[in-house]
Protein backbone atom coordinates (compact mmCIF):
# COMPACT_ATOMS: atom_id res chain seq x y z
CA MET A 1 108.83 103.63 106.16
CA ALA A 2 111.54 101.00 106.41
CA GLU A 3 110.56 97.60 106.17
CA PRO A 4 110.24 94.99 108.86
CA ALA A 5 113.69 92.96 109.60
CA GLN A 6 112.80 89.16 108.73
CA SER A 7 113.92 88.70 112.77
CA ASP A 8 110.70 90.78 113.61
CA ILE A 9 108.41 89.07 111.32
CA ARG A 10 106.88 85.37 112.72
CA GLN A 11 104.66 83.57 110.30
CA LEU A 12 102.23 80.25 111.26
CA ARG A 13 101.56 77.73 109.31
CA ARG A 14 97.85 75.75 109.03
CA VAL A 15 97.71 72.63 110.83
CA ASP A 16 97.26 69.82 108.07
CA LEU A 17 97.85 66.12 108.73
CA HIS A 18 98.45 64.07 106.02
CA VAL A 19 97.25 60.47 106.56
CA GLY A 20 99.89 57.44 106.40
CA GLU A 21 103.36 57.08 107.56
CA THR A 22 105.95 60.24 108.53
CA GLY A 23 108.96 59.25 108.05
CA PHE A 24 109.68 59.92 111.76
CA GLY A 25 110.83 57.12 114.19
CA ASP A 26 111.29 53.80 113.59
CA PRO A 27 108.17 51.79 112.25
CA ASP A 28 110.24 48.70 113.30
CA ASP A 29 110.22 49.36 116.67
CA PRO A 30 107.17 48.04 119.17
CA GLN A 31 104.05 50.56 118.07
CA ARG A 32 101.58 51.86 120.32
CA VAL A 33 98.09 53.42 118.94
CA ALA A 34 96.78 56.57 120.33
CA ALA A 35 93.50 58.21 120.20
CA VAL A 36 93.02 61.57 120.10
CA LEU A 37 89.34 63.24 120.54
CA ASP A 38 87.69 66.21 121.55
CA VAL A 39 84.02 66.77 121.54
CA GLU A 40 81.61 69.74 121.10
CA THR A 41 79.08 70.18 123.53
CA THR A 42 75.74 71.99 124.54
CA GLY A 43 77.67 73.18 127.88
CA LEU A 44 80.02 72.74 130.34
CA ASP A 45 78.65 70.36 132.85
CA PRO A 46 78.73 66.37 132.23
CA GLU A 47 75.28 65.71 134.09
CA SER A 48 73.10 67.68 132.20
CA ASP A 49 74.87 69.12 129.23
CA ARG A 50 74.82 66.67 125.40
CA VAL A 51 77.61 65.91 123.18
CA ILE A 52 76.77 67.59 119.64
CA GLU A 53 80.14 66.77 117.79
CA LEU A 54 82.65 64.01 118.44
CA ALA A 55 86.00 64.30 116.57
CA VAL A 56 88.62 61.38 117.17
CA ARG A 57 91.88 59.90 114.56
CA ARG A 58 94.36 57.58 115.46
CA PHE A 59 97.91 57.34 115.19
CA ARG A 60 100.80 54.86 115.64
CA TYR A 61 104.05 55.43 117.90
CA ASP A 62 107.28 53.95 118.97
CA PRO A 63 108.85 53.95 121.98
CA GLY A 64 110.70 57.24 121.39
CA GLY A 65 106.93 58.97 121.12
CA HIS A 66 107.60 59.61 117.66
CA ILE A 67 104.64 59.87 115.72
CA THR A 68 104.87 56.58 113.09
CA GLU A 69 101.70 56.86 111.20
CA ILE A 70 98.71 59.25 111.51
CA GLY A 71 95.28 57.55 110.33
CA ARG A 72 92.08 58.74 108.86
CA ALA A 73 89.96 61.37 110.42
CA TRP A 74 86.47 60.78 111.76
CA CYS A 75 83.91 63.28 112.96
CA TRP A 76 80.19 63.03 113.85
CA ARG A 77 77.15 65.87 114.93
CA GLU A 78 74.39 65.06 116.85
CA ASP A 79 71.45 66.39 117.33
CA PRO A 80 70.48 67.16 120.97
CA GLY A 81 66.95 67.33 121.13
CA VAL A 82 67.08 70.99 122.78
CA PRO A 83 67.80 74.60 120.93
CA LEU A 84 71.78 75.25 121.10
CA PRO A 85 73.08 78.29 123.52
CA GLU A 86 73.64 81.15 121.78
CA ASP A 87 77.14 80.82 122.89
CA VAL A 88 77.54 77.61 121.57
CA ILE A 89 76.63 78.99 118.66
CA ARG A 90 78.88 81.62 118.31
CA ILE A 91 82.17 80.18 119.22
CA THR A 92 81.62 76.97 117.79
CA GLY A 93 79.71 77.82 114.02
CA ILE A 94 77.25 74.98 114.51
CA THR A 95 73.88 75.80 114.16
CA ASP A 96 70.65 73.88 115.48
CA GLN A 97 69.49 73.30 111.49
CA ASP A 98 73.30 71.89 111.26
CA LEU A 99 72.17 68.93 113.61
CA ILE A 100 68.88 68.19 112.60
CA GLY A 101 68.44 64.54 112.37
CA ARG A 102 72.28 63.67 113.18
CA ARG A 103 73.66 61.34 115.43
CA ILE A 104 76.77 59.80 116.32
CA ASP A 105 77.59 55.98 115.29
CA ASP A 106 77.92 54.34 118.47
CA ARG A 107 79.49 51.42 117.31
CA VAL A 108 82.30 52.95 114.81
CA ALA A 109 82.75 55.61 117.47
CA THR A 110 83.53 52.96 120.25
CA ASP A 111 85.11 50.22 118.05
CA ILE A 112 87.25 52.94 117.13
CA ILE A 113 88.55 54.20 120.87
CA SER A 114 88.70 50.91 122.12
CA SER A 115 91.34 49.92 119.83
CA ALA A 116 93.84 52.33 121.19
CA ASP A 117 96.44 51.62 123.84
CA VAL A 118 95.97 55.37 125.30
CA VAL A 119 92.96 58.22 124.91
CA ILE A 120 94.38 61.55 124.57
CA ALA A 121 92.29 64.53 124.68
CA HIS A 122 93.33 68.18 125.93
CA ASN A 123 91.05 68.72 128.32
CA ALA A 124 90.28 64.85 129.76
CA ALA A 125 88.72 65.79 132.89
CA PHE A 126 85.68 67.21 130.50
CA ASP A 127 85.83 65.05 127.40
CA ARG A 128 86.17 62.11 129.55
CA PRO A 129 83.16 61.77 131.18
CA MET A 130 80.98 63.43 128.13
CA VAL A 131 82.52 60.64 126.32
CA GLU A 132 81.76 57.94 128.16
CA LYS A 133 78.13 59.30 129.59
CA ARG A 134 77.76 59.00 125.38
CA LEU A 135 79.09 55.75 124.42
CA THR A 136 77.93 53.64 127.05
CA ASP A 137 79.68 51.00 125.76
CA LEU A 138 83.17 51.94 125.91
CA PRO A 139 85.51 50.18 127.95
CA ILE A 140 87.85 51.60 130.82
CA LYS A 141 90.60 53.15 128.70
CA GLN A 142 94.34 54.22 129.75
CA TRP A 143 93.37 58.62 129.49
CA ALA A 144 96.17 60.92 128.99
CA CYS A 145 95.45 64.86 129.46
CA SER A 146 97.91 66.91 127.67
CA CYS A 147 97.07 70.04 129.39
CA VAL A 148 98.13 68.99 132.89
CA GLU A 149 100.41 65.87 131.91
CA ILE A 150 103.22 68.02 130.08
CA ASP A 151 105.23 70.19 131.86
CA TRP A 152 104.46 73.15 128.66
CA ALA A 153 106.59 75.72 130.76
CA ALA A 154 109.90 73.12 130.90
CA ALA A 155 109.14 72.95 127.17
CA GLY A 156 109.31 76.49 126.37
CA PHE A 157 105.54 77.61 125.93
CA GLU A 158 103.53 79.75 128.33
CA GLY A 159 100.40 78.97 128.85
CA ARG A 160 97.93 75.94 128.33
CA SER A 161 95.38 76.84 125.70
CA LEU A 162 95.81 74.66 123.18
CA GLY A 163 95.59 77.72 120.23
CA TRP A 164 98.13 79.57 122.22
CA LEU A 165 100.57 76.66 122.15
CA CYS A 166 99.90 75.86 118.76
CA ALA A 167 100.64 79.91 117.94
CA GLN A 168 103.76 79.46 120.07
CA ALA A 169 104.76 76.06 117.94
CA GLY A 170 103.88 78.27 114.45
CA TRP A 171 100.68 76.70 113.77
CA PHE A 172 97.54 78.17 113.35
CA TYR A 173 93.86 76.28 113.02
CA ASP A 174 90.05 76.10 113.16
CA ALA A 175 90.03 76.33 116.99
CA HIS A 176 86.30 75.65 118.93
CA ARG A 177 85.47 72.58 116.30
CA ALA A 178 86.12 69.24 117.78
CA GLN A 179 88.60 68.35 114.14
CA GLY A 180 90.84 70.95 114.50
CA ASP A 181 91.34 70.86 117.99
CA VAL A 182 92.34 67.05 117.79
CA ASP A 183 94.72 67.57 114.77
CA ALA A 184 96.06 70.80 116.30
CA LEU A 185 97.14 68.63 119.48
CA ILE A 186 98.52 65.82 117.06
CA GLN A 187 100.89 68.38 115.76
CA LEU A 188 101.46 69.92 119.16
CA LEU A 189 102.56 66.07 120.19
CA ARG A 190 104.96 65.77 117.62
CA HIS A 191 106.38 69.03 118.71
CA GLU A 192 110.18 67.92 119.92
CA ARG A 193 110.92 69.24 123.81
CA THR A 194 114.19 70.88 124.94
CA ASP A 195 115.80 67.60 125.08
CA GLY A 196 115.19 66.58 121.60
CA ARG A 197 112.47 64.33 122.46
CA PRO A 198 108.63 64.61 121.18
CA LEU A 199 106.24 66.13 123.61
CA LEU A 200 103.95 62.59 123.20
CA TYR A 201 107.22 60.88 125.42
CA GLU A 202 106.37 62.83 128.07
CA LEU A 203 102.52 62.40 128.18
CA ASP A 204 102.71 59.02 127.36
CA GLY A 205 104.90 58.03 130.34
CA ARG A 206 102.20 59.84 132.84
CA SER A 207 98.90 58.53 131.80
CA SER A 208 97.12 56.19 133.37
CA CYS A 209 93.96 54.00 134.14
CA GLU A 210 92.39 56.83 136.66
């Protein structure tokens, strides 16, 4: 059997963010700070379900939407006080034993998120109420939802799920874990649109405090 042509093979690279300056954009331009976050929870109801994992990473970016510096990753787990549903264990790989005695550091998590000019999540309609319910001292922030506030089709993508978007951009990661989702989204926000500008440029212009 003949070997497939190189053009018939597509390779994916693992998302691997490095802390520090990126070498992109102009760090001498005015900078804003974004905090990308994601949660894993006991279920999908913000009223009754609880956060079991919270991950956040900050970065700096210039007016052109270029990420100029990436900060360290922060991730906490928390014991919800109730057994995890089987589907949550299956999807996340997190077990009841992993959460025994664990708790989010409210002060540190609140300080990190509060320090950002904009908070970004891929499904902010879900993540935002879960985070605001859990971190009761978090002030009103400007939020952005990369799932609905980026025109993915115009940028040459199909669909909106984070894993599929990443694969189309040439990347893979450990999905359904908060830190993996955060880093994957940051990698996507660095991806250039058809006009050469990073996707972050489009997202930042559409975010709001509502």
